[in-house]
Every structure is written in C-alpha cells, then in structure tokens.
Amino acid sequence: MQITDNALNAIEFKMLLKYFTSELPTWRFLTNVTHGYKGKTQTSWGFTCNVFGRKKSESDLHSINDKHAFKLLQPLILDKKKLIRIRCGLIASNGPKELHTPHVDQPYLDHITQIYYLTASDAPTNIFEELGPNDNYDNYEPSDFTLKYQSKPEPNKMIIFDGKHYHSSSHVYGDELRLALTFNYA
C-alpha cells in the first residue's frame, strides 16, 4: 500500500477541485454507490462521473467519456497503457455512520486501485484483509470483513493498493461532501 499526501501541486489540485465542483461534469445518480450485499435496504446513494472506461476492443480515444477531466487528470495517471477506468464519486450526508458494501472494483482482473481525494470527509475508505473475488460475497455484511487499513479523506491525498482487496467507502454524516476519484489499472 502506498499513501501520498500532496499528490499534486497546488495549482493542479485547485483546477481539479474547481472542475469537479462546477456544473461541467456529467453526474449520474446511483441508488447504491457499491454493489453486493442484498440482505437489507441500501441507503448508500450518491453520484458518479465516469471519466474513462476502457474495453479491450476500444482504443483510448473511444474510452474517454469526459475529455476535459481526462486532460486535467494526466498528472495522476500512473500507467496509461494499463488504465481501465477512472470515475469520480460524490457522496453527500445520507445516513448514520456506517460502512458501505465491501467490494472489488474489477472482480475478475488482477488490478491496482488508486484513490485520490478532492475533499476532506468524515467518511473513510476501508481496506480489508479479505481478497476477492468470492462469488458468495453478495451474502456478506460489512461486519464479516477484517479491517486492514482505514484512510481518512483529505484534500490532495492519494492511496494505492492491490485491487483484489475488498474495500468500501462509508456514509457521510457531517455537512461536507465526499469527492474522490478512483482509478483502476490492469
């Protein structure tokens, strides 16, 4: 696991924050910001802005959903050839202090996950000891997992970890927004 504070210089950070807090990105509403666990009603709603999503048959140009954001994100991209997804997640205060459903972003690929925080938040990222995929995980509750590391979102902070580890975000219960970018590489 790698943790980097001040991952971008101040100007690059401010440009990214300004963009993702403007009216320019295309946001999609999600009733559940993760997937999985079907044992109870989910209250983990939020928004996503899909910046980049590559399919094996597509070229880079056809994979870019938001060209302006993709250009701004260049200093954060670790390996363009291995990049398969970039999305920005936005979660507002939406419930009690609890974990979202633990998940693996790309269940059937060996991959690296990179999370870059744009805002400070009381909703940490939780990385668990358990590795995926596990076809039964839809039946698991967050309490079934063993916490390996918890990352408190801070502006301009980046974490990188083995994407096979189950991980989750958490409910925001304060007044702030949780705004974080997720990159996947395979």
N, C-alpha and C. Protein backbone atom coordinates (compact mmCIF):
# COMPACT_ATOMS: atom_id res chain seq x y z
N MET A 1 0.85 -1.17 0.00
CA MET A 1 0.00 0.00 0.00
C MET A 1 0.89 1.24 0.00
N GLN A 2 0.47 2.21 -0.77
CA GLN A 2 1.23 3.47 -0.85
C GLN A 2 0.28 4.63 -0.54
N ILE A 3 0.73 5.54 0.30
CA ILE A 3 -0.06 6.72 0.68
C ILE A 3 0.77 7.95 0.35
N THR A 4 0.17 8.91 -0.37
CA THR A 4 0.88 10.12 -0.76
C THR A 4 0.03 11.33 -0.39
N ASP A 5 0.57 12.18 0.48
CA ASP A 5 -0.07 13.46 0.76
C ASP A 5 0.44 14.46 -0.27
N ASN A 6 -0.36 15.47 -0.59
CA ASN A 6 0.02 16.48 -1.58
C ASN A 6 0.48 15.84 -2.88
N ALA A 7 -0.36 14.98 -3.42
CA ALA A 7 -0.03 14.22 -4.63
C ALA A 7 0.14 15.13 -5.85
N LEU A 8 -0.56 16.24 -5.89
CA LEU A 8 -0.44 17.21 -6.98
C LEU A 8 0.06 18.53 -6.43
N ASN A 9 0.61 19.36 -7.32
CA ASN A 9 0.96 20.70 -6.85
C ASN A 9 -0.33 21.49 -6.65
N ALA A 10 -0.23 22.60 -5.96
CA ALA A 10 -1.43 23.38 -5.55
C ALA A 10 -2.28 23.82 -6.74
N ILE A 11 -1.65 24.21 -7.82
CA ILE A 11 -2.41 24.69 -8.99
C ILE A 11 -3.18 23.54 -9.63
N GLU A 12 -2.52 22.39 -9.83
CA GLU A 12 -3.21 21.24 -10.41
C GLU A 12 -4.37 20.79 -9.54
N PHE A 13 -4.15 20.76 -8.22
CA PHE A 13 -5.21 20.36 -7.30
C PHE A 13 -6.40 21.31 -7.40
N LYS A 14 -6.15 22.61 -7.36
CA LYS A 14 -7.24 23.60 -7.42
C LYS A 14 -8.02 23.50 -8.73
N MET A 15 -7.33 23.23 -9.83
CA MET A 15 -8.03 23.08 -11.12
C MET A 15 -8.95 21.87 -11.12
N LEU A 16 -8.48 20.76 -10.56
CA LEU A 16 -9.33 19.55 -10.47
C LEU A 16 -10.53 19.79 -9.58
N LEU A 17 -10.29 20.36 -8.40
CA LEU A 17 -11.38 20.63 -7.47
C LEU A 17 -12.41 21.58 -8.09
N LYS A 18 -11.93 22.62 -8.74
CA LYS A 18 -12.83 23.58 -9.39
C LYS A 18 -13.68 22.89 -10.46
N TYR A 19 -13.06 22.02 -11.25
CA TYR A 19 -13.81 21.33 -12.30
C TYR A 19 -14.89 20.42 -11.71
N PHE A 20 -14.51 19.56 -10.76
CA PHE A 20 -15.47 18.58 -10.24
C PHE A 20 -16.51 19.18 -9.29
N THR A 21 -16.35 20.44 -8.91
CA THR A 21 -17.38 21.11 -8.12
C THR A 21 -18.12 22.16 -8.95
N SER A 22 -17.92 22.11 -10.25
CA SER A 22 -18.63 23.02 -11.16
C SER A 22 -19.83 22.29 -11.77
N GLU A 23 -20.50 22.95 -12.69
CA GLU A 23 -21.64 22.34 -13.39
C GLU A 23 -21.21 21.61 -14.66
N LEU A 24 -19.91 21.50 -14.92
CA LEU A 24 -19.42 20.91 -16.16
C LEU A 24 -19.46 19.37 -16.21
N PRO A 25 -19.10 18.66 -15.16
CA PRO A 25 -19.13 17.19 -15.27
C PRO A 25 -20.54 16.65 -15.44
N THR A 26 -20.64 15.50 -16.07
CA THR A 26 -21.92 14.81 -16.21
C THR A 26 -22.04 13.80 -15.07
N TRP A 27 -22.94 14.09 -14.15
CA TRP A 27 -23.12 13.23 -12.97
C TRP A 27 -24.32 12.32 -13.18
N ARG A 28 -24.19 11.07 -12.74
CA ARG A 28 -25.28 10.10 -12.77
C ARG A 28 -25.63 9.74 -11.34
N PHE A 29 -26.90 9.70 -11.03
CA PHE A 29 -27.37 9.32 -9.70
C PHE A 29 -27.33 7.80 -9.56
N LEU A 30 -26.83 7.32 -8.42
CA LEU A 30 -26.80 5.89 -8.11
C LEU A 30 -27.58 5.65 -6.82
N THR A 31 -28.48 4.71 -6.83
CA THR A 31 -29.20 4.38 -5.60
C THR A 31 -28.31 3.63 -4.62
N ASN A 32 -27.23 3.04 -5.12
CA ASN A 32 -26.28 2.32 -4.28
C ASN A 32 -24.89 2.52 -4.90
N VAL A 33 -24.01 3.24 -4.21
CA VAL A 33 -22.69 3.56 -4.78
C VAL A 33 -21.77 2.35 -4.86
N THR A 34 -22.16 1.25 -4.21
CA THR A 34 -21.44 -0.01 -4.36
C THR A 34 -22.44 -1.04 -4.84
N HIS A 35 -22.01 -2.26 -4.90
CA HIS A 35 -22.91 -3.34 -5.29
C HIS A 35 -22.72 -4.45 -4.29
N GLY A 36 -23.56 -5.43 -4.34
CA GLY A 36 -23.40 -6.55 -3.42
C GLY A 36 -24.45 -6.57 -2.34
N TYR A 37 -24.08 -7.03 -1.19
CA TYR A 37 -24.92 -7.33 -0.03
C TYR A 37 -26.39 -6.95 -0.21
N LYS A 38 -27.21 -7.98 -0.32
CA LYS A 38 -28.64 -7.78 -0.60
C LYS A 38 -29.50 -8.05 0.62
N GLY A 39 -28.90 -8.12 1.80
CA GLY A 39 -29.63 -8.51 2.99
C GLY A 39 -30.48 -7.42 3.60
N LYS A 40 -30.29 -6.15 3.21
CA LYS A 40 -31.11 -5.09 3.78
C LYS A 40 -31.21 -3.94 2.79
N THR A 41 -32.07 -3.00 3.07
CA THR A 41 -32.24 -1.85 2.20
C THR A 41 -30.98 -1.00 2.24
N GLN A 42 -30.49 -0.64 1.08
CA GLN A 42 -29.29 0.18 0.99
C GLN A 42 -29.66 1.66 1.08
N THR A 43 -28.86 2.42 1.81
CA THR A 43 -29.04 3.87 1.86
C THR A 43 -27.77 4.55 1.39
N SER A 44 -26.97 3.85 0.60
CA SER A 44 -25.69 4.39 0.17
C SER A 44 -25.79 5.02 -1.22
N TRP A 45 -26.68 5.97 -1.35
CA TRP A 45 -26.84 6.64 -2.63
C TRP A 45 -25.75 7.69 -2.82
N GLY A 46 -25.54 8.07 -4.07
CA GLY A 46 -24.54 9.08 -4.40
C GLY A 46 -24.56 9.34 -5.89
N PHE A 47 -23.49 9.95 -6.38
CA PHE A 47 -23.38 10.32 -7.78
C PHE A 47 -22.05 9.84 -8.33
N THR A 48 -22.00 9.55 -9.62
CA THR A 48 -20.76 9.16 -10.26
C THR A 48 -20.59 9.93 -11.56
N CYS A 49 -19.35 10.26 -11.85
CA CYS A 49 -18.98 10.86 -13.12
C CYS A 49 -17.94 9.92 -13.73
N ASN A 50 -18.33 9.22 -14.78
CA ASN A 50 -17.41 8.28 -15.43
C ASN A 50 -16.54 9.03 -16.42
N VAL A 51 -15.26 9.14 -16.10
CA VAL A 51 -14.31 9.89 -16.92
C VAL A 51 -13.74 9.02 -18.03
N PHE A 52 -13.42 7.78 -17.68
CA PHE A 52 -12.73 6.89 -18.63
C PHE A 52 -13.11 5.46 -18.32
N GLY A 53 -13.41 4.68 -19.35
CA GLY A 53 -13.70 3.26 -19.17
C GLY A 53 -13.31 2.51 -20.42
N ARG A 54 -12.27 1.71 -20.33
CA ARG A 54 -11.74 1.00 -21.49
C ARG A 54 -12.28 -0.42 -21.56
N LYS A 55 -12.69 -0.79 -22.74
CA LYS A 55 -12.98 -2.19 -23.04
C LYS A 55 -11.83 -2.68 -23.90
N LYS A 56 -11.55 -3.96 -23.85
CA LYS A 56 -10.39 -4.49 -24.56
C LYS A 56 -10.40 -4.14 -26.04
N SER A 57 -11.56 -4.03 -26.65
CA SER A 57 -11.65 -3.78 -28.09
C SER A 57 -11.59 -2.30 -28.45
N GLU A 58 -11.57 -1.42 -27.45
CA GLU A 58 -11.62 0.01 -27.73
C GLU A 58 -10.24 0.65 -27.66
N SER A 59 -10.07 1.70 -28.46
CA SER A 59 -8.86 2.50 -28.35
C SER A 59 -9.06 3.51 -27.23
N ASP A 60 -7.97 4.16 -26.82
CA ASP A 60 -8.05 5.17 -25.76
C ASP A 60 -9.08 6.25 -26.10
N LEU A 61 -9.08 6.71 -27.34
CA LEU A 61 -9.95 7.81 -27.74
C LEU A 61 -11.42 7.47 -27.53
N HIS A 62 -11.81 6.24 -27.81
CA HIS A 62 -13.20 5.84 -27.65
C HIS A 62 -13.57 5.54 -26.20
N SER A 63 -12.57 5.49 -25.33
CA SER A 63 -12.80 5.17 -23.93
C SER A 63 -12.99 6.40 -23.06
N ILE A 64 -12.69 7.57 -23.59
CA ILE A 64 -12.76 8.80 -22.81
C ILE A 64 -14.19 9.34 -22.84
N ASN A 65 -14.81 9.42 -21.67
CA ASN A 65 -16.17 9.95 -21.55
C ASN A 65 -16.19 11.44 -21.25
N ASP A 66 -15.13 11.94 -20.64
CA ASP A 66 -15.03 13.35 -20.25
C ASP A 66 -13.62 13.83 -20.59
N LYS A 67 -13.47 14.39 -21.79
CA LYS A 67 -12.13 14.77 -22.30
C LYS A 67 -11.47 15.84 -21.45
N HIS A 68 -12.24 16.80 -20.95
CA HIS A 68 -11.64 17.87 -20.13
C HIS A 68 -11.10 17.29 -18.82
N ALA A 69 -11.89 16.49 -18.15
CA ALA A 69 -11.45 15.87 -16.89
C ALA A 69 -10.25 14.97 -17.14
N PHE A 70 -10.28 14.20 -18.23
CA PHE A 70 -9.17 13.29 -18.54
C PHE A 70 -7.87 14.07 -18.72
N LYS A 71 -7.96 15.22 -19.37
CA LYS A 71 -6.76 16.05 -19.55
C LYS A 71 -6.26 16.57 -18.20
N LEU A 72 -7.16 17.02 -17.34
CA LEU A 72 -6.76 17.52 -16.02
C LEU A 72 -6.14 16.43 -15.15
N LEU A 73 -6.55 15.18 -15.38
CA LEU A 73 -6.09 14.06 -14.55
C LEU A 73 -4.76 13.46 -14.99
N GLN A 74 -4.20 13.93 -16.07
CA GLN A 74 -2.95 13.35 -16.59
C GLN A 74 -1.85 13.22 -15.54
N PRO A 75 -1.61 14.22 -14.66
CA PRO A 75 -0.53 14.07 -13.68
C PRO A 75 -0.76 12.95 -12.66
N LEU A 76 -1.99 12.48 -12.52
CA LEU A 76 -2.28 11.41 -11.56
C LEU A 76 -2.23 10.01 -12.17
N ILE A 77 -2.33 9.92 -13.49
CA ILE A 77 -2.41 8.61 -14.15
C ILE A 77 -1.05 7.92 -14.06
N LEU A 78 -1.03 6.75 -13.45
CA LEU A 78 0.22 6.01 -13.21
C LEU A 78 0.73 5.30 -14.46
N ASP A 79 -0.18 4.74 -15.26
CA ASP A 79 0.22 3.96 -16.44
C ASP A 79 -0.93 3.98 -17.44
N LYS A 80 -0.80 4.79 -18.48
CA LYS A 80 -1.89 4.92 -19.47
C LYS A 80 -2.21 3.61 -20.16
N LYS A 81 -1.20 2.78 -20.40
CA LYS A 81 -1.43 1.52 -21.11
C LYS A 81 -2.24 0.53 -20.27
N LYS A 82 -2.12 0.62 -18.96
CA LYS A 82 -2.84 -0.31 -18.08
C LYS A 82 -4.12 0.28 -17.51
N LEU A 83 -4.37 1.54 -17.74
CA LEU A 83 -5.57 2.21 -17.21
C LEU A 83 -6.83 1.60 -17.82
N ILE A 84 -7.77 1.20 -16.97
CA ILE A 84 -9.02 0.65 -17.48
C ILE A 84 -10.25 1.45 -17.03
N ARG A 85 -10.11 2.28 -15.96
CA ARG A 85 -11.27 3.04 -15.52
C ARG A 85 -10.84 4.22 -14.67
N ILE A 86 -11.55 5.34 -14.85
CA ILE A 86 -11.47 6.48 -13.93
C ILE A 86 -12.90 6.93 -13.69
N ARG A 87 -13.25 7.05 -12.43
CA ARG A 87 -14.56 7.60 -12.10
C ARG A 87 -14.41 8.49 -10.88
N CYS A 88 -15.26 9.49 -10.82
CA CYS A 88 -15.31 10.36 -9.65
C CYS A 88 -16.61 10.05 -8.92
N GLY A 89 -16.51 9.86 -7.62
CA GLY A 89 -17.68 9.59 -6.81
C GLY A 89 -17.98 10.76 -5.90
N LEU A 90 -19.25 11.09 -5.76
CA LEU A 90 -19.69 12.18 -4.90
C LEU A 90 -20.75 11.63 -3.95
N ILE A 91 -20.48 11.74 -2.67
CA ILE A 91 -21.44 11.28 -1.66
C ILE A 91 -21.70 12.43 -0.69
N ALA A 92 -22.97 12.72 -0.47
CA ALA A 92 -23.39 13.75 0.50
C ALA A 92 -23.85 13.05 1.77
N SER A 93 -24.13 13.82 2.79
CA SER A 93 -24.63 13.26 4.05
C SER A 93 -25.91 12.48 3.76
N ASN A 94 -25.89 11.18 4.08
CA ASN A 94 -27.04 10.36 3.72
C ASN A 94 -27.32 9.22 4.69
N GLY A 95 -26.97 9.42 5.93
CA GLY A 95 -27.35 8.36 6.84
C GLY A 95 -26.43 8.25 8.04
N PRO A 96 -26.67 7.23 8.82
CA PRO A 96 -25.86 7.01 10.01
C PRO A 96 -24.43 6.63 9.64
N LYS A 97 -23.55 6.75 10.61
CA LYS A 97 -22.15 6.40 10.40
C LYS A 97 -22.04 4.88 10.24
N GLU A 98 -21.92 4.43 8.99
CA GLU A 98 -21.76 3.00 8.72
C GLU A 98 -21.02 2.80 7.41
N LEU A 99 -20.48 1.60 7.26
CA LEU A 99 -19.74 1.25 6.06
C LEU A 99 -20.67 0.99 4.90
N HIS A 100 -20.20 1.30 3.70
CA HIS A 100 -20.89 0.84 2.50
C HIS A 100 -20.46 -0.60 2.26
N THR A 101 -21.07 -1.24 1.29
CA THR A 101 -20.79 -2.63 1.00
C THR A 101 -19.35 -2.83 0.53
N PRO A 102 -18.59 -3.69 1.19
CA PRO A 102 -17.25 -4.01 0.69
C PRO A 102 -17.35 -4.65 -0.69
N HIS A 103 -16.41 -4.31 -1.55
CA HIS A 103 -16.44 -4.79 -2.93
C HIS A 103 -15.03 -4.79 -3.52
N VAL A 104 -14.91 -5.40 -4.68
CA VAL A 104 -13.70 -5.36 -5.50
C VAL A 104 -14.12 -4.69 -6.80
N ASP A 105 -13.38 -3.64 -7.22
CA ASP A 105 -13.79 -2.87 -8.40
C ASP A 105 -13.85 -3.71 -9.67
N GLN A 106 -12.84 -4.51 -9.91
CA GLN A 106 -12.74 -5.33 -11.12
C GLN A 106 -12.59 -6.79 -10.67
N PRO A 107 -13.69 -7.46 -10.32
CA PRO A 107 -13.63 -8.76 -9.64
C PRO A 107 -12.80 -9.85 -10.33
N TYR A 108 -12.72 -9.84 -11.64
CA TYR A 108 -12.06 -10.96 -12.31
C TYR A 108 -10.77 -10.53 -13.02
N LEU A 109 -10.19 -9.42 -12.58
CA LEU A 109 -8.91 -8.95 -13.12
C LEU A 109 -7.93 -8.71 -11.99
N ASP A 110 -6.67 -9.10 -12.19
CA ASP A 110 -5.62 -8.65 -11.27
C ASP A 110 -5.44 -7.18 -11.57
N HIS A 111 -5.62 -6.33 -10.57
CA HIS A 111 -5.56 -4.90 -10.84
C HIS A 111 -5.07 -4.12 -9.63
N ILE A 112 -4.73 -2.88 -9.89
CA ILE A 112 -4.32 -1.93 -8.87
C ILE A 112 -5.43 -0.89 -8.76
N THR A 113 -5.76 -0.48 -7.54
CA THR A 113 -6.74 0.58 -7.31
C THR A 113 -6.02 1.79 -6.73
N GLN A 114 -6.34 2.93 -7.27
CA GLN A 114 -5.78 4.22 -6.84
C GLN A 114 -6.96 5.11 -6.48
N ILE A 115 -6.94 5.68 -5.29
CA ILE A 115 -8.00 6.61 -4.88
C ILE A 115 -7.35 7.96 -4.58
N TYR A 116 -7.93 9.00 -5.15
CA TYR A 116 -7.43 10.37 -4.96
C TYR A 116 -8.58 11.20 -4.40
N TYR A 117 -8.35 11.81 -3.23
CA TYR A 117 -9.40 12.59 -2.57
C TYR A 117 -9.32 14.07 -2.97
N LEU A 118 -10.47 14.61 -3.31
CA LEU A 118 -10.58 16.04 -3.60
C LEU A 118 -11.05 16.84 -2.40
N THR A 119 -11.72 16.18 -1.46
CA THR A 119 -12.26 16.88 -0.29
C THR A 119 -11.95 16.10 0.99
N ALA A 120 -11.98 16.81 2.10
CA ALA A 120 -11.90 16.17 3.41
C ALA A 120 -13.31 15.67 3.75
N SER A 121 -13.36 14.57 4.48
CA SER A 121 -14.65 14.00 4.80
C SER A 121 -14.55 13.12 6.04
N ASP A 122 -15.68 12.94 6.71
CA ASP A 122 -15.75 12.03 7.85
C ASP A 122 -16.10 10.61 7.40
N ALA A 123 -16.03 10.36 6.09
CA ALA A 123 -16.40 9.06 5.53
C ALA A 123 -15.16 8.36 4.97
N PRO A 124 -14.48 7.56 5.80
CA PRO A 124 -13.22 6.96 5.37
C PRO A 124 -13.38 5.86 4.32
N THR A 125 -12.28 5.58 3.64
CA THR A 125 -12.16 4.40 2.80
C THR A 125 -11.63 3.29 3.70
N ASN A 126 -12.25 2.14 3.64
CA ASN A 126 -11.86 0.99 4.44
C ASN A 126 -11.31 -0.09 3.52
N ILE A 127 -10.10 -0.53 3.79
CA ILE A 127 -9.48 -1.60 3.00
C ILE A 127 -9.40 -2.82 3.93
N PHE A 128 -9.87 -3.94 3.42
CA PHE A 128 -9.99 -5.14 4.25
C PHE A 128 -8.93 -6.18 3.90
N GLU A 129 -8.70 -7.08 4.84
CA GLU A 129 -7.73 -8.16 4.66
C GLU A 129 -8.20 -9.14 3.57
N GLU A 130 -9.50 -9.34 3.45
CA GLU A 130 -10.03 -10.35 2.54
C GLU A 130 -9.78 -9.96 1.09
N LEU A 131 -9.48 -10.99 0.28
CA LEU A 131 -9.23 -10.82 -1.14
C LEU A 131 -10.40 -11.38 -1.94
N GLY A 132 -10.63 -10.81 -3.10
CA GLY A 132 -11.72 -11.28 -3.96
C GLY A 132 -11.16 -11.79 -5.26
N PRO A 133 -12.02 -12.25 -6.14
CA PRO A 133 -13.47 -12.26 -5.92
C PRO A 133 -13.91 -13.51 -5.18
N ASN A 134 -15.06 -13.40 -4.60
CA ASN A 134 -15.70 -14.52 -3.94
C ASN A 134 -17.16 -14.47 -4.38
N ASP A 135 -17.59 -15.47 -5.07
CA ASP A 135 -18.95 -15.47 -5.63
C ASP A 135 -20.05 -15.39 -4.59
N ASN A 136 -19.72 -15.65 -3.34
CA ASN A 136 -20.73 -15.59 -2.28
C ASN A 136 -20.80 -14.24 -1.60
N TYR A 137 -20.00 -13.26 -2.03
CA TYR A 137 -19.91 -12.04 -1.25
C TYR A 137 -21.20 -11.22 -1.23
N ASP A 138 -22.13 -11.48 -2.13
CA ASP A 138 -23.41 -10.79 -2.08
C ASP A 138 -24.15 -11.10 -0.77
N ASN A 139 -23.77 -12.17 -0.11
CA ASN A 139 -24.43 -12.57 1.14
C ASN A 139 -23.71 -12.03 2.37
N TYR A 140 -22.58 -11.35 2.20
CA TYR A 140 -21.79 -10.86 3.32
C TYR A 140 -22.28 -9.51 3.81
N GLU A 141 -22.13 -9.29 5.08
CA GLU A 141 -22.38 -7.99 5.67
C GLU A 141 -21.03 -7.31 5.91
N PRO A 142 -20.99 -5.98 5.97
CA PRO A 142 -19.72 -5.30 6.24
C PRO A 142 -19.01 -5.82 7.49
N SER A 143 -19.76 -6.23 8.49
CA SER A 143 -19.15 -6.72 9.74
C SER A 143 -18.45 -8.07 9.56
N ASP A 144 -18.64 -8.73 8.42
CA ASP A 144 -17.97 -10.00 8.15
C ASP A 144 -16.52 -9.82 7.71
N PHE A 145 -16.08 -8.60 7.49
CA PHE A 145 -14.75 -8.32 6.96
C PHE A 145 -13.81 -7.83 8.07
N THR A 146 -12.50 -8.07 7.88
CA THR A 146 -11.47 -7.67 8.83
C THR A 146 -10.75 -6.44 8.29
N LEU A 147 -10.78 -5.35 9.04
CA LEU A 147 -10.17 -4.10 8.59
C LEU A 147 -8.64 -4.23 8.55
N LYS A 148 -8.07 -3.88 7.41
CA LYS A 148 -6.61 -3.86 7.23
C LYS A 148 -6.08 -2.44 7.41
N TYR A 149 -6.79 -1.47 6.78
CA TYR A 149 -6.35 -0.08 6.81
C TYR A 149 -7.56 0.82 6.59
N GLN A 150 -7.57 1.95 7.26
CA GLN A 150 -8.63 2.93 7.07
C GLN A 150 -7.98 4.26 6.67
N SER A 151 -8.45 4.83 5.56
CA SER A 151 -7.91 6.08 5.03
C SER A 151 -8.92 7.20 5.20
N LYS A 152 -8.56 8.20 5.96
CA LYS A 152 -9.42 9.37 6.14
C LYS A 152 -9.23 10.30 4.94
N PRO A 153 -10.31 10.62 4.22
CA PRO A 153 -10.17 11.52 3.08
C PRO A 153 -9.66 12.90 3.48
N GLU A 154 -8.60 13.32 2.83
CA GLU A 154 -8.02 14.65 2.99
C GLU A 154 -7.76 15.18 1.59
N PRO A 155 -7.96 16.48 1.36
CA PRO A 155 -7.71 17.04 0.03
C PRO A 155 -6.30 16.75 -0.46
N ASN A 156 -6.20 16.29 -1.71
CA ASN A 156 -4.93 16.08 -2.40
C ASN A 156 -4.16 14.87 -1.86
N LYS A 157 -4.86 13.95 -1.20
CA LYS A 157 -4.25 12.72 -0.69
C LYS A 157 -4.57 11.58 -1.66
N MET A 158 -3.61 10.68 -1.83
CA MET A 158 -3.78 9.55 -2.74
C MET A 158 -3.36 8.26 -2.04
N ILE A 159 -4.14 7.20 -2.26
CA ILE A 159 -3.74 5.88 -1.78
C ILE A 159 -3.77 4.92 -2.96
N ILE A 160 -2.84 3.97 -2.94
CA ILE A 160 -2.74 2.95 -3.99
C ILE A 160 -2.64 1.60 -3.29
N PHE A 161 -3.43 0.63 -3.74
CA PHE A 161 -3.39 -0.69 -3.11
C PHE A 161 -3.77 -1.77 -4.10
N ASP A 162 -3.48 -3.01 -3.74
CA ASP A 162 -3.83 -4.17 -4.54
C ASP A 162 -5.35 -4.22 -4.67
N GLY A 163 -5.84 -4.12 -5.89
CA GLY A 163 -7.28 -4.05 -6.13
C GLY A 163 -8.04 -5.31 -5.78
N LYS A 164 -7.36 -6.40 -5.47
CA LYS A 164 -8.06 -7.62 -5.07
C LYS A 164 -8.56 -7.56 -3.63
N HIS A 165 -8.10 -6.57 -2.87
CA HIS A 165 -8.61 -6.40 -1.51
C HIS A 165 -10.01 -5.81 -1.56
N TYR A 166 -10.91 -6.42 -0.80
CA TYR A 166 -12.22 -5.80 -0.64
C TYR A 166 -12.01 -4.45 0.03
N HIS A 167 -12.81 -3.48 -0.37
CA HIS A 167 -12.72 -2.14 0.21
C HIS A 167 -14.11 -1.49 0.14
N SER A 168 -14.28 -0.41 0.88
CA SER A 168 -15.57 0.29 0.87
C SER A 168 -15.37 1.74 1.25
N SER A 169 -16.32 2.54 0.83
CA SER A 169 -16.43 3.90 1.35
C SER A 169 -17.38 3.81 2.55
N SER A 170 -17.76 4.94 3.08
CA SER A 170 -18.64 4.99 4.24
C SER A 170 -19.66 6.11 4.04
N HIS A 171 -20.72 6.05 4.83
CA HIS A 171 -21.70 7.15 4.81
C HIS A 171 -21.03 8.44 5.26
N VAL A 172 -21.38 9.53 4.62
CA VAL A 172 -21.03 10.86 5.11
C VAL A 172 -22.11 11.23 6.11
N TYR A 173 -21.73 11.64 7.29
CA TYR A 173 -22.75 12.01 8.28
C TYR A 173 -22.60 13.45 8.74
N GLY A 174 -21.59 14.15 8.26
CA GLY A 174 -21.42 15.56 8.57
C GLY A 174 -21.96 16.42 7.44
N ASP A 175 -21.53 17.67 7.40
CA ASP A 175 -22.03 18.61 6.40
C ASP A 175 -21.26 18.59 5.08
N GLU A 176 -20.10 17.95 5.06
CA GLU A 176 -19.26 18.01 3.87
C GLU A 176 -19.67 16.98 2.81
N LEU A 177 -19.07 17.10 1.63
CA LEU A 177 -19.22 16.13 0.56
C LEU A 177 -17.99 15.24 0.53
N ARG A 178 -18.17 13.99 0.18
CA ARG A 178 -17.03 13.11 -0.07
C ARG A 178 -16.86 13.05 -1.58
N LEU A 179 -15.77 13.61 -2.07
CA LEU A 179 -15.50 13.69 -3.50
C LEU A 179 -14.16 13.01 -3.74
N ALA A 180 -14.18 11.86 -4.41
CA ALA A 180 -12.97 11.07 -4.60
C ALA A 180 -12.95 10.46 -6.00
N LEU A 181 -11.75 10.40 -6.56
CA LEU A 181 -11.53 9.78 -7.86
C LEU A 181 -10.99 8.37 -7.64
N THR A 182 -11.47 7.42 -8.41
CA THR A 182 -10.96 6.04 -8.37
C THR A 182 -10.41 5.70 -9.75
N PHE A 183 -9.18 5.18 -9.77
CA PHE A 183 -8.50 4.73 -10.98
C PHE A 183 -8.27 3.24 -10.82
N ASN A 184 -8.48 2.48 -11.89
CA ASN A 184 -8.15 1.04 -11.89
C ASN A 184 -7.20 0.76 -13.05
N TYR A 185 -6.18 -0.07 -12.75
CA TYR A 185 -5.17 -0.45 -13.75
C TYR A 185 -5.06 -1.97 -13.79
N ALA A 186 -5.02 -2.54 -15.00
CA ALA A 186 -4.84 -4.00 -15.11
C ALA A 186 -3.86 -4.30 -16.24
